[in-house]
Amino acid sequence: MSYDYCNIHRSGSESLLLSMVRIPNSFYHKAKGLLGERETKHTNMLFKKCNNIHMIGMKIPLDILFLSNEGVIVKSIPNLQPWRVAICFKATMTLELASGSIKKMGLKQNMKLEIKECN
């Protein structure tokens, strides 16, 4: 299988923010990410051991959350446009979301998220 999956909750809450978030488990799928996707309505990806992303070759903008080991949002970038690069040296994970998700879910810096693996 080329992906693992997880659910993401706001810490201390049972309310589900994101379900079946893809976690690439091969170099190929991590490198490919959402490249080639034209819509991310139901496609969210969590990259572990990753503190930077590039949007080179992407067709759509994304919301980006950089997370610490504990799941704390250390940096958020709403609506990152194609052909851009983003990095956060404090982060150990990167979560890619459909553009507009950060605002819609009320996600803010220093908020803690719980990542519960489905496999």
Protein backbone atom coordinates (compact mmCIF):
# COMPACT_ATOMS: atom_id res chain seq x y z
CA MET A 1 0.00 0.00 0.00
CA SER A 2 1.38 3.41 -0.88
CA TYR A 3 -0.43 5.37 1.84
CA ASP A 4 -1.28 5.10 5.51
CA TYR A 5 -4.25 7.07 6.82
CA CYS A 6 -5.08 9.10 9.90
CA ASN A 7 -7.87 11.14 11.44
CA ILE A 8 -7.16 14.56 12.91
CA HIS A 9 -8.98 16.05 15.89
CA ARG A 10 -8.60 19.32 17.75
CA SER A 11 -6.80 18.41 20.99
CA GLY A 12 -9.20 17.87 23.89
CA SER A 13 -12.17 17.56 21.56
CA GLU A 14 -13.92 14.56 20.10
CA SER A 15 -14.95 16.57 17.05
CA LEU A 16 -13.32 15.26 13.92
CA LEU A 17 -11.58 17.92 11.80
CA LEU A 18 -10.27 15.66 9.02
CA SER A 19 -10.84 12.00 8.28
CA MET A 20 -8.81 9.58 6.18
CA VAL A 21 -5.90 11.99 5.69
CA ARG A 22 -3.32 10.34 3.44
CA ILE A 23 0.21 9.78 4.77
CA PRO A 24 2.59 8.76 1.98
CA ASN A 25 4.76 5.82 2.99
CA SER A 26 7.10 5.62 0.00
CA PHE A 27 9.65 8.04 -1.38
CA TYR A 28 7.74 8.20 -4.68
CA HIS A 29 4.40 9.09 -3.11
CA LYS A 30 6.01 11.58 -0.75
CA ALA A 31 7.79 13.29 -3.67
CA LYS A 32 4.64 13.29 -5.82
CA GLY A 33 2.30 14.56 -3.09
CA LEU A 34 -0.69 16.22 -4.72
CA LEU A 35 1.15 16.99 -7.95
CA GLY A 36 -1.23 16.71 -10.88
CA GLU A 37 -4.37 17.08 -8.77
CA ARG A 38 -6.83 19.61 -10.10
CA GLU A 39 -9.08 19.57 -7.04
CA THR A 40 -8.35 18.84 -3.38
CA LYS A 41 -11.89 18.85 -2.05
CA HIS A 42 -11.41 15.43 -0.43
CA THR A 43 -7.63 15.17 -0.58
CA ASN A 44 -5.56 16.08 2.46
CA MET A 45 -2.01 14.86 3.01
CA LEU A 46 0.23 14.67 6.07
CA PHE A 47 3.97 14.49 5.47
CA LYS A 48 5.93 13.21 8.47
CA LYS A 49 9.57 14.21 8.96
CA CYS A 50 8.98 17.15 6.64
CA ASN A 51 9.45 20.85 7.35
CA ASN A 52 9.21 22.23 3.81
CA ILE A 53 7.12 21.88 0.69
CA HIS A 54 7.20 23.11 -2.86
CA MET A 55 4.33 23.90 -5.16
CA ILE A 56 6.36 23.54 -8.36
CA GLY A 57 4.15 22.01 -11.01
CA MET A 58 0.98 22.30 -8.92
CA LYS A 59 -2.22 23.45 -10.58
CA ILE A 60 -4.14 24.61 -7.50
CA PRO A 61 -3.37 26.58 -4.31
CA LEU A 62 -3.28 24.80 -0.94
CA ASP A 63 -3.49 25.70 2.73
CA ILE A 64 -0.36 24.54 4.58
CA LEU A 65 0.06 23.76 8.28
CA PHE A 66 3.49 23.12 9.73
CA LEU A 67 3.27 21.00 12.90
CA SER A 68 5.61 20.09 15.75
CA ASN A 69 6.16 16.49 16.96
CA GLU A 70 3.36 17.09 19.47
CA GLY A 71 0.91 18.22 16.76
CA VAL A 72 1.08 21.93 17.62
CA ILE A 73 0.59 24.28 14.69
CA VAL A 74 3.84 26.24 14.53
CA LYS A 75 3.10 28.02 11.26
CA SER A 76 0.16 28.27 8.86
CA ILE A 77 0.13 29.47 5.28
CA PRO A 78 -3.33 29.96 3.79
CA ASN A 79 -3.78 29.80 0.04
CA LEU A 80 -0.18 29.04 -0.98
CA GLN A 81 -0.09 29.50 -4.74
CA PRO A 82 1.46 27.15 -7.32
CA TRP A 83 5.16 27.59 -8.05
CA ARG A 84 5.95 28.72 -4.48
CA VAL A 85 8.09 27.18 -1.73
CA ALA A 86 7.44 27.20 2.04
CA ILE A 87 9.63 26.15 4.96
CA CYS A 88 9.42 26.13 8.76
CA PHE A 89 12.53 25.05 10.64
CA LYS A 90 10.54 24.44 13.87
CA ALA A 91 8.23 21.93 12.18
CA THR A 92 8.57 18.16 11.89
CA MET A 93 5.36 17.53 9.90
CA THR A 94 3.53 19.31 7.10
CA LEU A 95 -0.20 19.07 6.49
CA GLU A 96 -1.57 20.04 3.07
CA LEU A 97 -5.23 21.02 2.94
CA ALA A 98 -7.67 22.34 0.37
CA SER A 99 -7.41 26.11 0.05
CA GLY A 100 -9.78 27.80 2.51
CA SER A 101 -9.62 24.96 5.07
CA ILE A 102 -7.60 26.90 7.67
CA LYS A 103 -10.21 29.64 7.87
CA LYS A 104 -13.19 27.29 7.59
CA MET A 105 -11.96 25.08 10.47
CA GLY A 106 -10.75 28.01 12.59
CA LEU A 107 -7.18 26.67 12.81
CA LYS A 108 -4.65 28.99 14.43
CA GLN A 109 -0.99 29.02 15.39
CA ASN A 110 -0.22 27.26 18.72
CA MET A 111 -3.40 25.17 18.46
CA LYS A 112 -2.75 21.49 19.20
CA LEU A 113 -4.06 18.79 16.88
CA GLU A 114 -4.31 15.08 17.66
CA ILE A 115 -3.28 12.73 14.88
CA LYS A 116 -4.80 9.27 15.23
CA GLU A 117 -3.50 6.72 12.76
CA CYS A 118 -6.18 4.54 11.19
CA ASN A 119 -3.98 1.54 10.32
